[in-house]
PDB file of N, CA and C in Angstrom:
ATOM      1  N   MET A   1      37.396  72.562  13.821  1.00  0.00           N
ATOM      2  CA  MET A   1      37.327  72.449  12.378  1.00  0.00           C
ATOM      3  C   MET A   1      36.922  73.794  11.801  1.00  0.00           C
ATOM      4  N   SER A   2      37.697  74.287  10.913  1.00  0.00           N
ATOM      5  CA  SER A   2      37.423  75.574  10.294  1.00  0.00           C
ATOM      6  C   SER A   2      36.465  75.396   9.114  1.00  0.00           C
ATOM      7  N   VAL A   3      35.452  76.241   9.067  1.00  0.00           N
ATOM      8  CA  VAL A   3      34.465  76.174   7.989  1.00  0.00           C
ATOM      9  C   VAL A   3      34.766  77.283   6.997  1.00  0.00           C
ATOM     10  N   LYS A   4      34.982  76.911   5.757  1.00  0.00           N
ATOM     11  CA  LYS A   4      35.329  77.900   4.731  1.00  0.00           C
ATOM     12  C   LYS A   4      34.201  78.124   3.737  1.00  0.00           C
ATOM     13  N   ASN A   5      33.387  77.112   3.497  1.00  0.00           N
ATOM     14  CA  ASN A   5      32.329  77.164   2.507  1.00  0.00           C
ATOM     15  C   ASN A   5      31.231  78.127   2.965  1.00  0.00           C
ATOM     16  N   ASN A   6      30.859  79.078   2.127  1.00  0.00           N
ATOM     17  CA  ASN A   6      29.870  80.090   2.485  1.00  0.00           C
ATOM     18  C   ASN A   6      28.522  79.468   2.856  1.00  0.00           C
ATOM     19  N   GLU A   7      28.131  78.431   2.126  1.00  0.00           N
ATOM     20  CA  GLU A   7      26.859  77.764   2.411  1.00  0.00           C
ATOM     21  C   GLU A   7      26.893  77.142   3.816  1.00  0.00           C
ATOM     22  N   ASP A   8      28.014  76.561   4.171  1.00  0.00           N
ATOM     23  CA  ASP A   8      28.159  75.970   5.509  1.00  0.00           C
ATOM     24  C   ASP A   8      28.138  77.047   6.590  1.00  0.00           C
ATOM     25  N   ILE A   9      28.789  78.152   6.324  1.00  0.00           N
ATOM     26  CA  ILE A   9      28.800  79.259   7.277  1.00  0.00           C
ATOM     27  C   ILE A   9      27.382  79.761   7.526  1.00  0.00           C
ATOM     28  N   LEU A  10      26.624  79.924   6.459  1.00  0.00           N
ATOM     29  CA  LEU A  10      25.235  80.384   6.596  1.00  0.00           C
ATOM     30  C   LEU A  10      24.393  79.371   7.371  1.00  0.00           C
ATOM     31  N   PHE A  11      24.635  78.088   7.124  1.00  0.00           N
ATOM     32  CA  PHE A  11      23.912  77.045   7.851  1.00  0.00           C
ATOM     33  C   PHE A  11      24.214  77.103   9.344  1.00  0.00           C
ATOM     34  N   LEU A  12      25.501  77.212   9.699  1.00  0.00           N
ATOM     35  CA  LEU A  12      25.882  77.268  11.109  1.00  0.00           C
ATOM     36  C   LEU A  12      25.310  78.495  11.798  1.00  0.00           C
ATOM     37  N   LYS A  13      25.277  79.618  11.096  1.00  0.00           N
ATOM     38  CA  LYS A  13      24.693  80.838  11.660  1.00  0.00           C
ATOM     39  C   LYS A  13      23.190  80.657  11.902  1.00  0.00           C
ATOM     40  N   ALA A  14      22.499  80.046  10.945  1.00  0.00           N
ATOM     41  CA  ALA A  14      21.059  79.810  11.100  1.00  0.00           C
ATOM     42  C   ALA A  14      20.783  78.842  12.245  1.00  0.00           C
ATOM     43  N   LEU A  15      21.596  77.804  12.362  1.00  0.00           N
ATOM     44  CA  LEU A  15      21.454  76.851  13.460  1.00  0.00           C
ATOM     45  C   LEU A  15      21.673  77.549  14.802  1.00  0.00           C
ATOM     46  N   GLY A  16      22.696  78.364  14.873  1.00  0.00           N
ATOM     47  CA  GLY A  16      22.979  79.102  16.103  1.00  0.00           C
ATOM     48  C   GLY A  16      21.851  80.035  16.482  1.00  0.00           C
ATOM     49  N   GLN A  17      21.291  80.707  15.490  1.00  0.00           N
ATOM     50  CA  GLN A  17      20.169  81.611  15.762  1.00  0.00           C
ATOM     51  C   GLN A  17      18.959  80.837  16.268  1.00  0.00           C
ATOM     52  N   LYS A  18      18.753  79.648  15.711  1.00  0.00           N
ATOM     53  CA  LYS A  18      17.630  78.803  16.140  1.00  0.00           C
ATOM     54  C   LYS A  18      17.826  78.362  17.596  1.00  0.00           C
ATOM     55  N   ILE A  19      19.045  77.947  17.926  1.00  0.00           N
ATOM     56  CA  ILE A  19      19.342  77.539  19.301  1.00  0.00           C
ATOM     57  C   ILE A  19      19.129  78.709  20.258  1.00  0.00           C
ATOM     58  N   LYS A  20      19.614  79.881  19.874  1.00  0.00           N
ATOM     59  CA  LYS A  20      19.442  81.070  20.717  1.00  0.00           C
ATOM     60  C   LYS A  20      17.963  81.397  20.918  1.00  0.00           C
ATOM     61  N   LYS A  21      17.188  81.309  19.848  1.00  0.00           N
ATOM     62  CA  LYS A  21      15.755  81.603  19.923  1.00  0.00           C
ATOM     63  C   LYS A  21      15.068  80.653  20.901  1.00  0.00           C
ATOM     64  N   ILE A  22      15.343  79.367  20.773  1.00  0.00           N
ATOM     65  CA  ILE A  22      14.739  78.381  21.670  1.00  0.00           C
ATOM     66  C   ILE A  22      15.205  78.625  23.105  1.00  0.00           C
ATOM     67  N   ARG A  23      16.502  78.880  23.275  1.00  0.00           N
ATOM     68  CA  ARG A  23      17.054  79.115  24.619  1.00  0.00           C
ATOM     69  C   ARG A  23      16.351  80.293  25.292  1.00  0.00           C
ATOM     70  N   THR A  24      16.207  81.395  24.565  1.00  0.00           N
ATOM     71  CA  THR A  24      15.589  82.576  25.173  1.00  0.00           C
ATOM     72  C   THR A  24      14.101  82.357  25.422  1.00  0.00           C
ATOM     73  N   GLU A  25      13.429  81.634  24.522  1.00  0.00           N
ATOM     74  CA  GLU A  25      12.017  81.320  24.730  1.00  0.00           C
ATOM     75  C   GLU A  25      11.819  80.461  25.976  1.00  0.00           C
ATOM     76  N   LYS A  26      12.792  79.622  26.272  1.00  0.00           N
ATOM     77  CA  LYS A  26      12.721  78.743  27.444  1.00  0.00           C
ATOM     78  C   LYS A  26      13.201  79.448  28.716  1.00  0.00           C
ATOM     79  N   GLY A  27      13.674  80.695  28.572  1.00  0.00           N
ATOM     80  CA  GLY A  27      14.072  81.484  29.725  1.00  0.00           C
ATOM     81  C   GLY A  27      15.480  81.213  30.238  1.00  0.00           C
ATOM     82  N   TYR A  28      16.301  80.592  29.417  1.00  0.00           N
ATOM     83  CA  TYR A  28      17.687  80.325  29.809  1.00  0.00           C
ATOM     84  C   TYR A  28      18.602  81.462  29.374  1.00  0.00           C
ATOM     85  N   THR A  29      19.555  81.779  30.218  1.00  0.00           N
ATOM     86  CA  THR A  29      20.648  82.658  29.802  1.00  0.00           C
ATOM     87  C   THR A  29      21.770  81.768  29.288  1.00  0.00           C
ATOM     88  N   GLN A  30      22.723  82.371  28.593  1.00  0.00           N
ATOM     89  CA  GLN A  30      23.885  81.601  28.154  1.00  0.00           C
ATOM     90  C   GLN A  30      24.631  81.038  29.361  1.00  0.00           C
ATOM     91  N   ALA A  31      24.700  81.810  30.431  1.00  0.00           N
ATOM     92  CA  ALA A  31      25.401  81.361  31.639  1.00  0.00           C
ATOM     93  C   ALA A  31      24.719  80.140  32.249  1.00  0.00           C
ATOM     94  N   GLN A  32      23.395  80.166  32.312  1.00  0.00           N
ATOM     95  CA  GLN A  32      22.671  79.019  32.855  1.00  0.00           C
ATOM     96  C   GLN A  32      22.862  77.784  31.989  1.00  0.00           C
ATOM     97  N   LEU A  33      22.761  77.970  30.681  1.00  0.00           N
ATOM     98  CA  LEU A  33      22.915  76.855  29.749  1.00  0.00           C
ATOM     99  C   LEU A  33      24.313  76.266  29.849  1.00  0.00           C
ATOM    100  N   SER A  34      25.312  77.119  29.896  1.00  0.00           N
ATOM    101  CA  SER A  34      26.687  76.624  29.960  1.00  0.00           C
ATOM    102  C   SER A  34      26.927  75.870  31.275  1.00  0.00           C
ATOM    103  N   ALA A  35      26.395  76.369  32.358  1.00  0.00           N
ATOM    104  CA  ALA A  35      26.573  75.693  33.651  1.00  0.00           C
ATOM    105  C   ALA A  35      25.884  74.335  33.651  1.00  0.00           C
ATOM    106  N   ASP A  36      24.654  74.287  33.151  1.00  0.00           N
ATOM    107  CA  ASP A  36      23.899  73.033  33.138  1.00  0.00           C
ATOM    108  C   ASP A  36      24.500  72.003  32.184  1.00  0.00           C
ATOM    109  N   LEU A  37      25.156  72.474  31.130  1.00  0.00           N
ATOM    110  CA  LEU A  37      25.772  71.569  30.157  1.00  0.00           C
ATOM    111  C   LEU A  37      27.215  71.222  30.505  1.00  0.00           C
ATOM    112  N   GLY A  38      27.809  71.996  31.413  1.00  0.00           N
ATOM    113  CA  GLY A  38      29.219  71.796  31.717  1.00  0.00           C
ATOM    114  C   GLY A  38      30.131  72.266  30.597  1.00  0.00           C
ATOM    115  N   MET A  39      29.670  73.290  29.879  1.00  0.00           N
ATOM    116  CA  MET A  39      30.430  73.891  28.772  1.00  0.00           C
ATOM    117  C   MET A  39      30.827  75.302  29.159  1.00  0.00           C
ATOM    118  N   GLU A  40      31.887  75.773  28.566  1.00  0.00           N
ATOM    119  CA  GLU A  40      32.271  77.169  28.760  1.00  0.00           C
ATOM    120  C   GLU A  40      31.213  78.069  28.116  1.00  0.00           C
ATOM    121  N   ILE A  41      30.939  79.189  28.750  1.00  0.00           N
ATOM    122  CA  ILE A  41      29.969  80.130  28.184  1.00  0.00           C
ATOM    123  C   ILE A  41      30.433  80.626  26.816  1.00  0.00           C
ATOM    124  N   SER A  42      31.737  80.735  26.635  1.00  0.00           N
ATOM    125  CA  SER A  42      32.263  81.175  25.341  1.00  0.00           C
ATOM    126  C   SER A  42      31.928  80.176  24.239  1.00  0.00           C
ATOM    127  N   GLN A  43      31.848  78.887  24.593  1.00  0.00           N
ATOM    128  CA  GLN A  43      31.486  77.863  23.603  1.00  0.00           C
ATOM    129  C   GLN A  43      30.023  78.016  23.204  1.00  0.00           C
ATOM    130  N   ILE A  44      29.158  78.278  24.177  1.00  0.00           N
ATOM    131  CA  ILE A  44      27.742  78.522  23.876  1.00  0.00           C
ATOM    132  C   ILE A  44      27.628  79.727  22.953  1.00  0.00           C
ATOM    133  N   SER A  45      28.360  80.767  23.252  1.00  0.00           N
ATOM    134  CA  SER A  45      28.342  81.972  22.422  1.00  0.00           C
ATOM    135  C   SER A  45      28.800  81.665  20.997  1.00  0.00           C
ATOM    136  N   ARG A  46      29.864  80.901  20.862  1.00  0.00           N
ATOM    137  CA  ARG A  46      30.368  80.551  19.523  1.00  0.00           C
ATOM    138  C   ARG A  46      29.352  79.710  18.747  1.00  0.00           C
ATOM    139  N   ILE A  47      28.687  78.799  19.438  1.00  0.00           N
ATOM    140  CA  ILE A  47      27.657  77.984  18.776  1.00  0.00           C
ATOM    141  C   ILE A  47      26.524  78.878  18.298  1.00  0.00           C
ATOM    142  N   GLU A  48      26.058  79.769  19.149  1.00  0.00           N
ATOM    143  CA  GLU A  48      24.930  80.638  18.786  1.00  0.00           C
ATOM    144  C   GLU A  48      25.291  81.646  17.700  1.00  0.00           C
ATOM    145  N   ARG A  49      26.545  82.035  17.626  1.00  0.00           N
ATOM    146  CA  ARG A  49      26.975  82.957  16.563  1.00  0.00           C
ATOM    147  C   ARG A  49      27.331  82.226  15.278  1.00  0.00           C
ATOM    148  N   GLY A  50      27.370  80.902  15.341  1.00  0.00           N
ATOM    149  CA  GLY A  50      27.656  80.111  14.149  1.00  0.00           C
ATOM    150  C   GLY A  50      29.106  80.139  13.739  1.00  0.00           C
ATOM    151  N   VAL A  51      30.000  80.364  14.684  1.00  0.00           N
ATOM    152  CA  VAL A  51      31.427  80.432  14.338  1.00  0.00           C
ATOM    153  C   VAL A  51      32.163  79.137  14.654  1.00  0.00           C
ATOM    154  N   VAL A  52      31.426  78.156  15.189  1.00  0.00           N
ATOM    155  CA  VAL A  52      32.032  76.860  15.495  1.00  0.00           C
ATOM    156  C   VAL A  52      31.081  75.763  15.020  1.00  0.00           C
ATOM    157  N   ASN A  53      31.671  74.710  14.505  1.00  0.00           N
ATOM    158  CA  ASN A  53      30.910  73.543  14.068  1.00  0.00           C
ATOM    159  C   ASN A  53      30.911  72.557  15.231  1.00  0.00           C
ATOM    160  N   THR A  54      29.896  72.655  16.080  1.00  0.00           N
ATOM    161  CA  THR A  54      29.859  71.841  17.295  1.00  0.00           C
ATOM    162  C   THR A  54      29.502  70.395  16.980  1.00  0.00           C
ATOM    163  N   SER A  55      29.728  69.532  17.927  1.00  0.00           N
ATOM    164  CA  SER A  55      29.484  68.107  17.711  1.00  0.00           C
ATOM    165  C   SER A  55      27.998  67.774  17.801  1.00  0.00           C
ATOM    166  N   VAL A  56      27.654  66.666  17.214  1.00  0.00           N
ATOM    167  CA  VAL A  56      26.288  66.163  17.295  1.00  0.00           C
ATOM    168  C   VAL A  56      25.933  65.870  18.749  1.00  0.00           C
ATOM    169  N   LEU A  57      26.888  65.378  19.514  1.00  0.00           N
ATOM    170  CA  LEU A  57      26.621  65.097  20.928  1.00  0.00           C
ATOM    171  C   LEU A  57      26.312  66.372  21.704  1.00  0.00           C
ATOM    172  N   ASN A  58      26.996  67.464  21.374  1.00  0.00           N
ATOM    173  CA  ASN A  58      26.669  68.740  22.021  1.00  0.00           C
ATOM    174  C   ASN A  58      25.265  69.187  21.653  1.00  0.00           C
ATOM    175  N   LEU A  59      24.891  69.011  20.387  1.00  0.00           N
ATOM    176  CA  LEU A  59      23.540  69.379  19.960  1.00  0.00           C
ATOM    177  C   LEU A  59      22.500  68.523  20.679  1.00  0.00           C
ATOM    178  N   LYS A  60      22.805  67.245  20.869  1.00  0.00           N
ATOM    179  CA  LYS A  60      21.902  66.348  21.600  1.00  0.00           C
ATOM    180  C   LYS A  60      21.724  66.829  23.033  1.00  0.00           C
ATOM    181  N   LYS A  61      22.817  67.232  23.681  1.00  0.00           N
ATOM    182  CA  LYS A  61      22.756  67.724  25.056  1.00  0.00           C
ATOM    183  C   LYS A  61      21.970  69.023  25.140  1.00  0.00           C
ATOM    184  N   ILE A  62      22.203  69.918  24.196  1.00  0.00           N
ATOM    185  CA  ILE A  62      21.488  71.203  24.183  1.00  0.00           C
ATOM    186  C   ILE A  62      19.992  70.958  24.002  1.00  0.00           C
ATOM    187  N   ALA A  63      19.635  70.116  23.034  1.00  0.00           N
ATOM    188  CA  ALA A  63      18.220  69.819  22.779  1.00  0.00           C
ATOM    189  C   ALA A  63      17.568  69.203  24.008  1.00  0.00           C
ATOM    190  N   SER A  64      18.254  68.264  24.634  1.00  0.00           N
ATOM    191  CA  SER A  64      17.704  67.598  25.813  1.00  0.00           C
ATOM    192  C   SER A  64      17.463  68.595  26.947  1.00  0.00           C
ATOM    193  N   LEU A  65      18.434  69.447  27.193  1.00  0.00           N
ATOM    194  CA  LEU A  65      18.309  70.425  28.269  1.00  0.00           C
ATOM    195  C   LEU A  65      17.182  71.421  27.992  1.00  0.00           C
ATOM    196  N   LEU A  66      17.031  71.792  26.728  1.00  0.00           N
ATOM    197  CA  LEU A  66      15.978  72.747  26.364  1.00  0.00           C
ATOM    198  C   LEU A  66      14.628  72.061  26.156  1.00  0.00           C
ATOM    199  N   ASN A  67      14.618  70.737  26.355  1.00  0.00           N
ATOM    200  CA  ASN A  67      13.396  69.944  26.240  1.00  0.00           C
ATOM    201  C   ASN A  67      12.758  70.034  24.856  1.00  0.00           C
ATOM    202  N   VAL A  68      13.609  69.933  23.840  1.00  0.00           N
ATOM    203  CA  VAL A  68      13.156  69.874  22.451  1.00  0.00           C
ATOM    204  C   VAL A  68      13.891  68.711  21.787  1.00  0.00           C
ATOM    205  N   SER A  69      13.414  68.311  20.619  1.00  0.00           N
ATOM    206  CA  SER A  69      14.110  67.263  19.883  1.00  0.00           C
ATOM    207  C   SER A  69      15.240  67.891  19.058  1.00  0.00           C
ATOM    208  N   ILE A  70      16.200  67.083  18.695  1.00  0.00           N
ATOM    209  CA  ILE A  70      17.258  67.574  17.807  1.00  0.00           C
ATOM    210  C   ILE A  70      16.634  68.082  16.517  1.00  0.00           C
ATOM    211  N   LYS A  71      15.598  67.397  16.061  1.00  0.00           N
ATOM    212  CA  LYS A  71      14.868  67.808  14.855  1.00  0.00           C
ATOM    213  C   LYS A  71      14.396  69.257  14.979  1.00  0.00           C
ATOM    214  N   ASP A  72      13.953  69.651  16.171  1.00  0.00           N
ATOM    215  CA  ASP A  72      13.490  71.023  16.391  1.00  0.00           C
ATOM    216  C   ASP A  72      14.606  72.045  16.178  1.00  0.00           C
ATOM    217  N   LEU A  73      15.843  71.644  16.490  1.00  0.00           N
ATOM    218  CA  LEU A  73      16.972  72.564  16.299  1.00  0.00           C
ATOM    219  C   LEU A  73      17.206  72.848  14.818  1.00  0.00           C
ATOM    220  N   PHE A  74      16.879  71.862  13.975  1.00  0.00           N
ATOM    221  CA  PHE A  74      17.136  71.995  12.545  1.00  0.00           C
ATOM    222  C   PHE A  74      15.899  72.400  11.755  1.00  0.00           C
ATOM    223  N   GLY A  75      14.750  72.504  12.410  1.00  0.00           N
ATOM    224  CA  GLY A  75      13.527  72.864  11.723  1.00  0.00           C
ATOM    225  C   GLY A  75      13.634  74.154  10.960  1.00  0.00           C
ATOM    226  N   SER A  76      13.209  74.149   9.721  1.00  0.00           N
ATOM    227  CA  SER A  76      13.183  75.297   8.790  1.00  0.00           C
ATOM    228  C   SER A  76      14.550  75.926   8.545  1.00  0.00           C
ATOM    229  N   LEU A  77      15.611  75.119   8.565  1.00  0.00           N
ATOM    230  CA  LEU A  77      16.941  75.667   8.227  1.00  0.00           C
ATOM    231  C   LEU A  77      17.208  75.487   6.759  1.00  0.00           C
TER     232      LEU A  77
END
């Protein structure tokens, strides 16, 4: 799904930055995260850069693997 709205683009970028921050704080590399999730590393990169609108189920999997709640991914966005 292509995101055209500037507000949505900014939201996705902020969400991606939050995921990246949590991932690095937990000591995961993108390669480790992608392997543990069964996702392509390029997909993890796109999520963290905010260029893809990933599914809620992917966010649930990411949160679970990083041992945080989905709420934590959206905190202060």
